[in-house]
Amino acid sequence: MPAPKKSLGVVLFPRFELLDVFGPLEMFGYVPDLEIVMLADEAGAVRSTQGPSAMAEHRLADGPQTDILLVPGGLGTRALVDDAAFLDRLRDRADRADLVLSVCTGSGLLARAGLLDGHRATSNKRAFAWASAQGSDVTWVKEARWVWDEKFVTSSGVAAGIDMALAVVGRLAGDEFARSLADQTEYAWQSDASRDPFARIHGLLGDEPDDPR
């Protein structure tokens, strides 16, 4: 009997980061039997930080429930951490998802919603101080390309979301499929989650790096 289809919901908001969304979707779009759904507070066009808009098909509050939820970062996260109604909608949807992914400062939104309490997580290294300030009960990992803790998978900044997405694709469709996909898209997949040169570049490391497992 074939496995049931899975669905991935992407949360859009004004001033989201383009590559945070479309880098991972380039990879997830090849996964067999994975439906992608775009969500926002209101259906319609949502403008990115860089200017181009993406189309949200459904509202975050009452759109179709998805097995996987992807929360990007972007400059819009700075306002949303103080939007209690948005955080409530995000929390409700994340609670019902099997996997919750974030790219860049999207982990700041998850943390502010209380979803990462008691979990390990990472974020954009340039904005690490801001993101980590959103959740004092989160174990923030300074040196990690991405961190997978139970159902939460948080990545470092922007392009790191593609590496994280391929790791999730490997879990969904097999490592061989993920590696073949990276080759097909001519992407040099950094498959080691602990390899994070940007933590040092942005001055986050002391003498002892954090354990990124």
N, C-alpha and C. Protein backbone atom coordinates (compact mmCIF):
# COMPACT_ATOMS: atom_id res chain seq x y z
N MET A 1 0.85 -1.19 0.00
CA MET A 1 0.00 0.00 0.00
C MET A 1 0.89 1.24 0.00
N PRO A 2 0.68 2.18 -0.94
CA PRO A 2 1.55 3.36 -1.01
C PRO A 2 1.39 4.24 0.22
N ALA A 3 2.50 4.92 0.57
CA ALA A 3 2.46 5.84 1.71
C ALA A 3 1.55 7.02 1.38
N PRO A 4 0.81 7.53 2.37
CA PRO A 4 -0.05 8.68 2.11
C PRO A 4 0.77 9.92 1.77
N LYS A 5 0.17 10.81 1.01
CA LYS A 5 0.84 12.06 0.67
C LYS A 5 1.08 12.89 1.92
N LYS A 6 2.18 13.62 1.91
CA LYS A 6 2.46 14.57 2.98
C LYS A 6 2.35 15.98 2.43
N SER A 7 2.21 16.94 3.34
CA SER A 7 2.08 18.33 2.91
C SER A 7 3.03 19.21 3.70
N LEU A 8 3.52 20.25 3.03
CA LEU A 8 4.43 21.23 3.61
C LEU A 8 3.80 22.60 3.52
N GLY A 9 3.64 23.25 4.65
CA GLY A 9 3.09 24.61 4.67
C GLY A 9 4.20 25.62 4.90
N VAL A 10 4.23 26.67 4.09
CA VAL A 10 5.23 27.73 4.20
C VAL A 10 4.55 29.00 4.70
N VAL A 11 5.07 29.55 5.78
CA VAL A 11 4.49 30.76 6.37
C VAL A 11 5.13 31.99 5.72
N LEU A 12 4.31 32.78 5.04
CA LEU A 12 4.78 34.03 4.45
C LEU A 12 4.31 35.21 5.30
N PHE A 13 5.10 36.25 5.32
CA PHE A 13 4.75 37.48 6.03
C PHE A 13 5.48 38.63 5.34
N PRO A 14 4.99 39.86 5.49
CA PRO A 14 5.65 40.99 4.84
C PRO A 14 7.13 41.07 5.23
N ARG A 15 7.99 41.23 4.23
CA ARG A 15 9.43 41.34 4.38
C ARG A 15 10.06 40.01 4.82
N PHE A 16 9.54 38.91 4.27
CA PHE A 16 10.20 37.62 4.45
C PHE A 16 11.44 37.59 3.53
N GLU A 17 12.38 36.71 3.84
CA GLU A 17 13.61 36.59 3.05
C GLU A 17 13.37 35.61 1.90
N LEU A 18 13.64 36.06 0.67
CA LEU A 18 13.33 35.25 -0.50
C LEU A 18 14.00 33.88 -0.48
N LEU A 19 15.30 33.83 -0.26
CA LEU A 19 16.01 32.55 -0.34
C LEU A 19 15.63 31.63 0.81
N ASP A 20 15.22 32.19 1.95
CA ASP A 20 14.75 31.36 3.06
C ASP A 20 13.58 30.49 2.63
N VAL A 21 12.76 31.01 1.73
CA VAL A 21 11.60 30.27 1.24
C VAL A 21 11.94 29.43 0.02
N PHE A 22 12.48 30.08 -1.01
CA PHE A 22 12.58 29.41 -2.30
C PHE A 22 13.82 28.53 -2.44
N GLY A 23 14.83 28.73 -1.60
CA GLY A 23 15.93 27.77 -1.56
C GLY A 23 15.45 26.40 -1.11
N PRO A 24 14.84 26.30 0.08
CA PRO A 24 14.28 25.01 0.51
C PRO A 24 13.21 24.46 -0.44
N LEU A 25 12.35 25.35 -0.98
CA LEU A 25 11.28 24.84 -1.85
C LEU A 25 11.83 24.26 -3.15
N GLU A 26 12.97 24.76 -3.62
CA GLU A 26 13.60 24.15 -4.78
C GLU A 26 13.86 22.66 -4.53
N MET A 27 14.25 22.33 -3.30
CA MET A 27 14.53 20.94 -2.95
C MET A 27 13.26 20.17 -2.62
N PHE A 28 12.41 20.73 -1.80
CA PHE A 28 11.19 20.02 -1.41
C PHE A 28 10.27 19.78 -2.61
N GLY A 29 10.35 20.65 -3.60
CA GLY A 29 9.47 20.52 -4.76
C GLY A 29 9.70 19.25 -5.56
N TYR A 30 10.85 18.61 -5.38
CA TYR A 30 11.15 17.36 -6.09
C TYR A 30 10.74 16.12 -5.32
N VAL A 31 10.34 16.26 -4.08
CA VAL A 31 10.00 15.09 -3.27
C VAL A 31 8.66 14.51 -3.74
N PRO A 32 8.63 13.25 -4.11
CA PRO A 32 7.37 12.66 -4.57
C PRO A 32 6.29 12.72 -3.49
N ASP A 33 5.08 13.01 -3.92
CA ASP A 33 3.91 12.98 -3.04
C ASP A 33 4.03 13.96 -1.87
N LEU A 34 4.70 15.08 -2.09
CA LEU A 34 4.74 16.14 -1.08
C LEU A 34 4.06 17.37 -1.67
N GLU A 35 2.95 17.75 -1.09
CA GLU A 35 2.21 18.92 -1.54
C GLU A 35 2.70 20.16 -0.79
N ILE A 36 2.92 21.25 -1.50
CA ILE A 36 3.40 22.50 -0.90
C ILE A 36 2.26 23.51 -0.88
N VAL A 37 2.04 24.11 0.28
CA VAL A 37 0.97 25.06 0.50
C VAL A 37 1.57 26.35 1.05
N MET A 38 1.20 27.48 0.45
CA MET A 38 1.69 28.78 0.92
C MET A 38 0.63 29.44 1.80
N LEU A 39 1.05 29.89 2.98
CA LEU A 39 0.14 30.41 3.99
C LEU A 39 0.56 31.82 4.41
N ALA A 40 -0.40 32.65 4.76
CA ALA A 40 -0.12 33.98 5.30
C ALA A 40 -1.34 34.43 6.10
N ASP A 41 -1.20 35.54 6.79
CA ASP A 41 -2.34 36.04 7.55
C ASP A 41 -3.55 36.28 6.66
N GLU A 42 -3.30 36.76 5.45
CA GLU A 42 -4.35 36.92 4.46
C GLU A 42 -3.88 36.32 3.15
N ALA A 43 -4.77 35.63 2.45
CA ALA A 43 -4.42 35.08 1.15
C ALA A 43 -4.12 36.21 0.18
N GLY A 44 -3.20 35.94 -0.73
CA GLY A 44 -2.83 36.95 -1.72
C GLY A 44 -1.33 37.17 -1.76
N ALA A 45 -0.93 38.21 -2.44
CA ALA A 45 0.50 38.50 -2.63
C ALA A 45 1.12 39.02 -1.34
N VAL A 46 2.32 38.50 -1.03
CA VAL A 46 3.07 38.93 0.16
C VAL A 46 4.44 39.39 -0.31
N ARG A 47 4.80 40.61 0.01
CA ARG A 47 6.03 41.22 -0.49
C ARG A 47 7.23 40.81 0.37
N SER A 48 8.31 40.43 -0.28
CA SER A 48 9.52 40.01 0.40
C SER A 48 10.39 41.19 0.79
N THR A 49 11.43 40.93 1.57
CA THR A 49 12.41 41.96 1.89
C THR A 49 13.04 42.52 0.63
N GLN A 50 13.30 41.64 -0.34
CA GLN A 50 13.98 42.06 -1.56
C GLN A 50 13.06 42.72 -2.58
N GLY A 51 11.76 42.65 -2.36
CA GLY A 51 10.82 43.31 -3.26
C GLY A 51 9.83 42.40 -3.95
N PRO A 52 10.26 41.33 -4.64
CA PRO A 52 9.29 40.44 -5.29
C PRO A 52 8.33 39.81 -4.29
N SER A 53 7.12 39.59 -4.75
CA SER A 53 6.09 39.01 -3.89
C SER A 53 5.90 37.53 -4.18
N ALA A 54 5.41 36.81 -3.19
CA ALA A 54 4.99 35.42 -3.34
C ALA A 54 3.50 35.35 -3.03
N MET A 55 2.83 34.38 -3.61
CA MET A 55 1.39 34.26 -3.48
C MET A 55 1.02 33.26 -2.39
N ALA A 56 0.31 33.73 -1.39
CA ALA A 56 -0.24 32.84 -0.36
C ALA A 56 -1.62 32.37 -0.81
N GLU A 57 -1.79 31.06 -0.85
CA GLU A 57 -3.06 30.50 -1.32
C GLU A 57 -4.10 30.44 -0.23
N HIS A 58 -3.63 30.35 1.04
CA HIS A 58 -4.55 30.14 2.15
C HIS A 58 -4.15 31.00 3.33
N ARG A 59 -5.11 31.19 4.22
CA ARG A 59 -4.84 31.93 5.45
C ARG A 59 -4.21 31.01 6.49
N LEU A 60 -3.30 31.58 7.26
CA LEU A 60 -2.63 30.82 8.31
C LEU A 60 -3.64 30.30 9.33
N ALA A 61 -4.66 31.10 9.62
CA ALA A 61 -5.61 30.76 10.68
C ALA A 61 -6.49 29.57 10.32
N ASP A 62 -6.90 29.47 9.04
CA ASP A 62 -7.88 28.43 8.71
C ASP A 62 -7.55 27.70 7.41
N GLY A 63 -6.33 27.82 6.93
CA GLY A 63 -5.92 27.05 5.76
C GLY A 63 -5.75 25.59 6.10
N PRO A 64 -5.50 24.75 5.11
CA PRO A 64 -5.36 23.31 5.36
C PRO A 64 -4.20 23.02 6.30
N GLN A 65 -4.41 22.09 7.21
CA GLN A 65 -3.35 21.67 8.11
C GLN A 65 -2.27 20.93 7.32
N THR A 66 -1.01 21.13 7.68
CA THR A 66 0.08 20.48 6.96
C THR A 66 0.93 19.65 7.92
N ASP A 67 1.56 18.62 7.37
CA ASP A 67 2.41 17.74 8.18
C ASP A 67 3.70 18.44 8.59
N ILE A 68 4.21 19.29 7.70
CA ILE A 68 5.46 20.01 7.93
C ILE A 68 5.18 21.50 7.83
N LEU A 69 5.81 22.28 8.67
CA LEU A 69 5.65 23.73 8.64
C LEU A 69 7.04 24.36 8.50
N LEU A 70 7.17 25.30 7.56
CA LEU A 70 8.42 26.00 7.33
C LEU A 70 8.24 27.48 7.63
N VAL A 71 9.06 28.01 8.53
CA VAL A 71 9.00 29.42 8.92
C VAL A 71 10.29 30.10 8.49
N PRO A 72 10.24 31.01 7.53
CA PRO A 72 11.45 31.70 7.10
C PRO A 72 11.80 32.84 8.04
N GLY A 73 12.95 33.44 7.78
CA GLY A 73 13.31 34.67 8.46
C GLY A 73 13.10 35.86 7.54
N GLY A 74 13.76 36.94 7.87
CA GLY A 74 13.61 38.18 7.11
C GLY A 74 13.38 39.34 8.05
N LEU A 75 13.45 40.54 7.53
CA LEU A 75 13.29 41.73 8.36
C LEU A 75 11.91 41.80 9.01
N GLY A 76 10.92 41.14 8.41
CA GLY A 76 9.58 41.17 8.98
C GLY A 76 9.46 40.47 10.32
N THR A 77 10.43 39.65 10.68
CA THR A 77 10.35 38.96 11.97
C THR A 77 10.43 39.94 13.13
N ARG A 78 11.08 41.08 12.91
CA ARG A 78 11.28 42.04 14.01
C ARG A 78 9.96 42.58 14.53
N ALA A 79 9.01 42.80 13.65
CA ALA A 79 7.69 43.27 14.08
C ALA A 79 6.83 42.12 14.59
N LEU A 80 6.95 40.95 13.98
CA LEU A 80 6.06 39.85 14.32
C LEU A 80 6.30 39.28 15.72
N VAL A 81 7.50 39.45 16.27
CA VAL A 81 7.72 38.92 17.62
C VAL A 81 6.88 39.65 18.65
N ASP A 82 6.33 40.81 18.29
CA ASP A 82 5.45 41.55 19.20
C ASP A 82 3.98 41.47 18.79
N ASP A 83 3.68 40.61 17.83
CA ASP A 83 2.31 40.45 17.34
C ASP A 83 1.72 39.20 17.99
N ALA A 84 1.05 39.38 19.11
CA ALA A 84 0.55 38.24 19.90
C ALA A 84 -0.43 37.39 19.11
N ALA A 85 -1.28 38.02 18.30
CA ALA A 85 -2.27 37.26 17.53
C ALA A 85 -1.58 36.37 16.49
N PHE A 86 -0.57 36.91 15.82
CA PHE A 86 0.18 36.09 14.85
C PHE A 86 0.87 34.93 15.56
N LEU A 87 1.49 35.20 16.70
CA LEU A 87 2.19 34.14 17.42
C LEU A 87 1.23 33.05 17.87
N ASP A 88 0.02 33.43 18.23
CA ASP A 88 -0.99 32.43 18.60
C ASP A 88 -1.31 31.53 17.40
N ARG A 89 -1.48 32.14 16.23
CA ARG A 89 -1.79 31.35 15.03
C ARG A 89 -0.62 30.44 14.67
N LEU A 90 0.58 30.96 14.79
CA LEU A 90 1.77 30.16 14.49
C LEU A 90 1.89 28.99 15.46
N ARG A 91 1.66 29.25 16.73
CA ARG A 91 1.76 28.22 17.77
C ARG A 91 0.74 27.11 17.52
N ASP A 92 -0.48 27.49 17.20
CA ASP A 92 -1.53 26.50 16.97
C ASP A 92 -1.19 25.60 15.80
N ARG A 93 -0.70 26.20 14.72
CA ARG A 93 -0.38 25.40 13.54
C ARG A 93 0.84 24.52 13.78
N ALA A 94 1.85 25.06 14.45
CA ALA A 94 3.05 24.29 14.74
C ALA A 94 2.77 23.12 15.67
N ASP A 95 1.88 23.34 16.64
CA ASP A 95 1.54 22.26 17.58
C ASP A 95 0.96 21.06 16.85
N ARG A 96 0.31 21.30 15.72
CA ARG A 96 -0.36 20.21 15.00
C ARG A 96 0.49 19.63 13.88
N ALA A 97 1.68 20.15 13.68
CA ALA A 97 2.56 19.66 12.63
C ALA A 97 3.48 18.55 13.16
N ASP A 98 3.87 17.66 12.29
CA ASP A 98 4.81 16.60 12.67
C ASP A 98 6.25 17.10 12.71
N LEU A 99 6.58 18.03 11.81
CA LEU A 99 7.90 18.65 11.75
C LEU A 99 7.73 20.15 11.60
N VAL A 100 8.56 20.90 12.32
CA VAL A 100 8.53 22.36 12.23
C VAL A 100 9.95 22.82 11.89
N LEU A 101 10.09 23.48 10.75
CA LEU A 101 11.38 23.92 10.26
C LEU A 101 11.46 25.45 10.31
N SER A 102 12.65 25.96 10.56
CA SER A 102 12.84 27.40 10.42
C SER A 102 14.16 27.66 9.73
N VAL A 103 14.21 28.78 9.04
CA VAL A 103 15.43 29.25 8.40
C VAL A 103 15.75 30.62 8.97
N CYS A 104 17.04 30.85 9.27
CA CYS A 104 17.48 32.17 9.67
C CYS A 104 16.73 32.63 10.93
N THR A 105 16.26 33.86 10.95
CA THR A 105 15.60 34.40 12.14
C THR A 105 14.17 33.90 12.33
N GLY A 106 13.75 32.97 11.48
CA GLY A 106 12.47 32.31 11.73
C GLY A 106 12.46 31.60 13.07
N SER A 107 13.64 31.16 13.52
CA SER A 107 13.70 30.52 14.84
C SER A 107 13.38 31.51 15.95
N GLY A 108 13.62 32.80 15.71
CA GLY A 108 13.23 33.80 16.69
C GLY A 108 11.72 33.85 16.88
N LEU A 109 10.98 33.68 15.79
CA LEU A 109 9.52 33.63 15.88
C LEU A 109 9.06 32.39 16.64
N LEU A 110 9.67 31.25 16.33
CA LEU A 110 9.31 30.02 17.05
C LEU A 110 9.62 30.16 18.54
N ALA A 111 10.77 30.76 18.84
CA ALA A 111 11.15 30.93 20.25
C ALA A 111 10.20 31.87 20.96
N ARG A 112 9.85 32.98 20.33
CA ARG A 112 8.96 33.95 20.97
C ARG A 112 7.57 33.35 21.21
N ALA A 113 7.18 32.41 20.36
CA ALA A 113 5.89 31.72 20.54
C ALA A 113 5.97 30.64 21.61
N GLY A 114 7.16 30.42 22.18
CA GLY A 114 7.32 29.41 23.22
C GLY A 114 7.49 28.00 22.70
N LEU A 115 7.58 27.85 21.39
CA LEU A 115 7.63 26.52 20.79
C LEU A 115 8.97 25.82 21.00
N LEU A 116 10.04 26.59 21.17
CA LEU A 116 11.37 26.01 21.31
C LEU A 116 11.81 25.86 22.76
N ASP A 117 10.96 26.20 23.70
CA ASP A 117 11.33 26.06 25.11
C ASP A 117 11.74 24.61 25.40
N GLY A 118 12.91 24.46 26.04
CA GLY A 118 13.41 23.13 26.37
C GLY A 118 14.09 22.42 25.21
N HIS A 119 14.22 23.10 24.08
CA HIS A 119 14.85 22.50 22.90
C HIS A 119 16.14 23.23 22.55
N ARG A 120 16.93 22.57 21.72
CA ARG A 120 18.13 23.16 21.17
C ARG A 120 17.80 23.76 19.82
N ALA A 121 18.41 24.89 19.49
CA ALA A 121 18.09 25.56 18.23
C ALA A 121 19.24 26.46 17.83
N THR A 122 19.23 26.85 16.57
CA THR A 122 20.21 27.82 16.09
C THR A 122 19.51 28.85 15.23
N SER A 123 20.30 29.78 14.69
CA SER A 123 19.72 30.86 13.89
C SER A 123 20.82 31.51 13.06
N ASN A 124 20.46 32.54 12.34
CA ASN A 124 21.41 33.35 11.58
C ASN A 124 22.51 33.86 12.50
N LYS A 125 23.75 33.67 12.12
CA LYS A 125 24.85 34.03 13.02
C LYS A 125 25.05 35.53 13.13
N ARG A 126 24.78 36.26 12.08
CA ARG A 126 24.90 37.71 12.16
C ARG A 126 23.83 38.31 13.06
N ALA A 127 22.65 37.68 13.08
CA ALA A 127 21.53 38.16 13.90
C ALA A 127 21.32 37.28 15.12
N PHE A 128 22.35 36.55 15.54
CA PHE A 128 22.19 35.55 16.59
C PHE A 128 21.77 36.17 17.92
N ALA A 129 22.33 37.32 18.25
CA ALA A 129 21.98 37.96 19.53
C ALA A 129 20.50 38.32 19.56
N TRP A 130 19.99 38.83 18.46
CA TRP A 130 18.56 39.18 18.42
C TRP A 130 17.70 37.93 18.52
N ALA A 131 18.01 36.93 17.70
CA ALA A 131 17.18 35.71 17.68
C ALA A 131 17.19 35.02 19.03
N SER A 132 18.36 34.87 19.63
CA SER A 132 18.46 34.15 20.90
C SER A 132 17.79 34.91 22.03
N ALA A 133 17.66 36.22 21.90
CA ALA A 133 16.97 37.01 22.92
C ALA A 133 15.47 36.75 22.94
N GLN A 134 14.96 36.08 21.93
CA GLN A 134 13.52 35.82 21.86
C GLN A 134 13.09 34.61 22.68
N GLY A 135 14.06 33.85 23.22
CA GLY A 135 13.68 32.68 24.00
C GLY A 135 14.74 32.32 25.02
N SER A 136 14.51 32.69 26.28
CA SER A 136 15.51 32.43 27.32
C SER A 136 15.52 30.97 27.77
N ASP A 137 14.47 30.22 27.45
CA ASP A 137 14.41 28.81 27.84
C ASP A 137 14.81 27.87 26.71
N VAL A 138 15.45 28.44 25.70
CA VAL A 138 15.95 27.66 24.56
C VAL A 138 17.46 27.49 24.74
N THR A 139 17.97 26.32 24.41
CA THR A 139 19.42 26.12 24.38
C THR A 139 19.91 26.50 22.99
N TRP A 140 20.45 27.70 22.89
CA TRP A 140 20.87 28.24 21.59
C TRP A 140 22.26 27.73 21.25
N VAL A 141 22.39 27.11 20.11
CA VAL A 141 23.66 26.53 19.65
C VAL A 141 24.33 27.53 18.71
N LYS A 142 25.48 28.02 19.12
CA LYS A 142 26.15 29.06 18.33
C LYS A 142 26.80 28.50 17.07
N GLU A 143 27.34 27.30 17.15
CA GLU A 143 28.06 26.73 16.02
C GLU A 143 27.30 25.53 15.48
N ALA A 144 26.51 25.74 14.44
CA ALA A 144 25.76 24.67 13.78
C ALA A 144 25.18 25.22 12.49
N ARG A 145 25.27 24.43 11.45
CA ARG A 145 24.61 24.81 10.19
C ARG A 145 23.10 24.64 10.36
N TRP A 146 22.72 23.59 11.04
CA TRP A 146 21.33 23.43 11.47
C TRP A 146 21.31 22.53 12.69
N VAL A 147 20.20 22.57 13.43
CA VAL A 147 20.02 21.75 14.63
C VAL A 147 18.68 21.03 14.51
N TRP A 148 18.71 19.72 14.72
CA TRP A 148 17.48 18.90 14.68
C TRP A 148 17.24 18.38 16.09
N ASP A 149 16.17 18.86 16.72
CA ASP A 149 15.83 18.44 18.08
C ASP A 149 14.36 18.04 18.10
N GLU A 150 14.13 16.74 18.19
CA GLU A 150 12.78 16.18 18.14
C GLU A 150 12.09 16.66 16.86
N LYS A 151 10.98 17.37 16.94
CA LYS A 151 10.29 17.73 15.70
C LYS A 151 10.70 19.12 15.18
N PHE A 152 11.65 19.76 15.84
CA PHE A 152 12.07 21.09 15.42
C PHE A 152 13.43 21.03 14.73
N VAL A 153 13.48 21.63 13.54
CA VAL A 153 14.72 21.69 12.76
C VAL A 153 14.96 23.14 12.42
N THR A 154 15.98 23.74 13.03
CA THR A 154 16.27 25.16 12.84
C THR A 154 17.60 25.31 12.14
N SER A 155 17.67 26.22 11.17
CA SER A 155 18.91 26.38 10.43
C SER A 155 19.52 27.74 10.69
N SER A 156 20.76 27.86 10.31
CA SER A 156 21.47 29.13 10.34
C SER A 156 20.91 30.03 9.23
N GLY A 157 21.69 31.03 8.82
CA GLY A 157 21.14 32.06 7.95
C GLY A 157 20.97 31.69 6.49
N VAL A 158 19.88 32.11 5.92
CA VAL A 158 19.57 32.19 4.50
C VAL A 158 19.93 30.91 3.74
N ALA A 159 21.13 30.84 3.13
CA ALA A 159 21.50 29.69 2.31
C ALA A 159 21.57 28.39 3.11
N ALA A 160 21.77 28.49 4.42
CA ALA A 160 21.80 27.29 5.26
C ALA A 160 20.48 26.53 5.20
N GLY A 161 19.40 27.22 4.87
CA GLY A 161 18.11 26.56 4.76
C GLY A 161 18.09 25.49 3.69
N ILE A 162 18.90 25.65 2.65
CA ILE A 162 18.96 24.63 1.60
C ILE A 162 19.62 23.37 2.14
N ASP A 163 20.71 23.54 2.90
CA ASP A 163 21.37 22.38 3.51
C ASP A 163 20.42 21.65 4.45
N MET A 164 19.71 22.41 5.27
CA MET A 164 18.74 21.81 6.17
C MET A 164 17.64 21.09 5.41
N ALA A 165 17.14 21.73 4.36
CA ALA A 165 16.06 21.13 3.58
C ALA A 165 16.50 19.79 2.99
N LEU A 166 17.72 19.71 2.50
CA LEU A 166 18.20 18.45 1.95
C LEU A 166 18.30 17.37 3.02
N ALA A 167 18.66 17.77 4.25
CA ALA A 167 18.68 16.80 5.35
C ALA A 167 17.27 16.27 5.61
N VAL A 168 16.27 17.13 5.56
CA VAL A 168 14.89 16.71 5.76
C VAL A 168 14.42 15.85 4.58
N VAL A 169 14.80 16.25 3.37
CA VAL A 169 14.48 15.45 2.19
C VAL A 169 15.05 14.04 2.35
N GLY A 170 16.27 13.95 2.89
CA GLY A 170 16.86 12.65 3.14
C GLY A 170 16.03 11.81 4.08
N ARG A 171 15.44 12.45 5.09
CA ARG A 171 14.59 11.73 6.04
C ARG A 171 13.28 11.29 5.35
N LEU A 172 12.77 12.12 4.45
CA LEU A 172 11.49 11.82 3.80
C LEU A 172 11.63 10.82 2.66
N ALA A 173 12.71 10.95 1.89
CA ALA A 173 12.81 10.18 0.65
C ALA A 173 14.10 9.37 0.55
N GLY A 174 14.94 9.41 1.58
CA GLY A 174 16.17 8.63 1.58
C GLY A 174 17.38 9.48 1.26
N ASP A 175 18.51 9.13 1.87
CA ASP A 175 19.74 9.89 1.67
C ASP A 175 20.21 9.85 0.22
N GLU A 176 20.04 8.71 -0.43
CA GLU A 176 20.48 8.60 -1.83
C GLU A 176 19.70 9.58 -2.71
N PHE A 177 18.40 9.69 -2.45
CA PHE A 177 17.57 10.64 -3.20
C PHE A 177 18.05 12.07 -2.95
N ALA A 178 18.34 12.41 -1.68
CA ALA A 178 18.77 13.76 -1.34
C ALA A 178 20.09 14.10 -2.02
N ARG A 179 21.03 13.16 -2.02
CA ARG A 179 22.33 13.42 -2.65
C ARG A 179 22.20 13.53 -4.17
N SER A 180 21.35 12.71 -4.74
CA SER A 180 21.10 12.79 -6.17
C SER A 180 20.46 14.13 -6.52
N LEU A 181 19.55 14.60 -5.67
CA LEU A 181 18.89 15.88 -5.89
C LEU A 181 19.89 17.03 -5.83
N ALA A 182 20.80 16.99 -4.86
CA ALA A 182 21.83 18.02 -4.77
C ALA A 182 22.67 18.05 -6.05
N ASP A 183 23.03 16.87 -6.56
CA ASP A 183 23.79 16.81 -7.80
C ASP A 183 22.98 17.32 -8.98
N GLN A 184 21.72 16.94 -9.02
CA GLN A 184 20.84 17.35 -10.12
C GLN A 184 20.71 18.86 -10.19
N THR A 185 20.63 19.50 -9.02
CA THR A 185 20.48 20.96 -8.98
C THR A 185 21.82 21.68 -8.94
N GLU A 186 22.92 20.90 -9.07
CA GLU A 186 24.28 21.45 -9.05
C GLU A 186 24.53 22.28 -7.80
N TYR A 187 24.09 21.72 -6.67
CA TYR A 187 24.27 22.38 -5.37
C TYR A 187 25.28 21.58 -4.55
N ALA A 188 26.28 22.26 -4.03
CA ALA A 188 27.29 21.62 -3.18
C ALA A 188 26.73 21.52 -1.77
N TRP A 189 26.07 20.42 -1.48
CA TRP A 189 25.38 20.24 -0.20
C TRP A 189 26.38 20.11 0.93
N GLN A 190 26.25 20.98 1.90
CA GLN A 190 27.03 20.86 3.14
C GLN A 190 26.22 19.98 4.07
N SER A 191 26.50 18.70 4.06
CA SER A 191 25.66 17.74 4.78
C SER A 191 26.07 17.54 6.23
N ASP A 192 27.15 18.17 6.66
CA ASP A 192 27.60 18.09 8.05
C ASP A 192 27.01 19.26 8.82
N ALA A 193 26.03 18.97 9.68
CA ALA A 193 25.34 20.03 10.41
C ALA A 193 26.25 20.80 11.36
N SER A 194 27.37 20.21 11.72
CA SER A 194 28.26 20.86 12.70
C SER A 194 29.25 21.82 12.04
N ARG A 195 29.33 21.80 10.72
CA ARG A 195 30.31 22.64 10.02
C ARG A 195 29.70 24.01 9.77
N ASP A 196 30.16 24.99 10.52
CA ASP A 196 29.55 26.33 10.48
C ASP A 196 30.64 27.39 10.58
N PRO A 197 31.25 27.78 9.48
CA PRO A 197 32.30 28.80 9.54
C PRO A 197 31.79 30.17 9.94
N PHE A 198 30.50 30.42 9.77
CA PHE A 198 29.97 31.76 10.01
C PHE A 198 29.86 32.09 11.49
N ALA A 199 29.81 31.08 12.35
CA ALA A 199 29.82 31.34 13.79
C ALA A 199 31.11 32.05 14.19
N ARG A 200 32.22 31.61 13.62
CA ARG A 200 33.49 32.25 13.93
C ARG A 200 33.62 33.60 13.22
N ILE A 201 33.18 33.65 11.98
CA ILE A 201 33.25 34.90 11.22
C ILE A 201 32.53 36.02 11.96
N HIS A 202 31.41 35.69 12.57
CA HIS A 202 30.60 36.70 13.27
C HIS A 202 30.90 36.77 14.77
N GLY A 203 32.02 36.17 15.19
CA GLY A 203 32.53 36.36 16.54
C GLY A 203 31.74 35.72 17.64
N LEU A 204 31.07 34.59 17.35
CA LEU A 204 30.24 33.96 18.38
C LEU A 204 31.00 32.95 19.23
N LEU A 205 32.18 32.54 18.81
CA LEU A 205 32.85 31.44 19.47
C LEU A 205 33.93 31.92 20.43
N GLY A 206 33.95 31.28 21.60
CA GLY A 206 35.06 31.45 22.52
C GLY A 206 36.07 30.35 22.27
N ASP A 207 36.66 29.85 23.34
CA ASP A 207 37.65 28.78 23.19
C ASP A 207 37.00 27.45 22.85
N GLU A 208 35.77 27.24 23.36
CA GLU A 208 35.11 25.95 23.16
C GLU A 208 33.83 26.12 22.35
N PRO A 209 33.75 25.55 21.13
CA PRO A 209 32.51 25.64 20.35
C PRO A 209 31.40 24.82 21.00
N ASP A 210 30.17 25.25 20.75
CA ASP A 210 29.02 24.50 21.24
C ASP A 210 28.91 23.17 20.53
N ASP A 211 28.30 22.20 21.17
CA ASP A 211 28.04 20.89 20.58
C ASP A 211 26.79 20.99 19.70
N PRO A 212 26.92 20.82 18.37
CA PRO A 212 25.77 21.02 17.49
C PRO A 212 24.91 19.79 17.26
N ARG A 213 25.14 18.72 18.00
CA ARG A 213 24.35 17.51 17.72
C ARG A 213 22.88 17.70 18.11
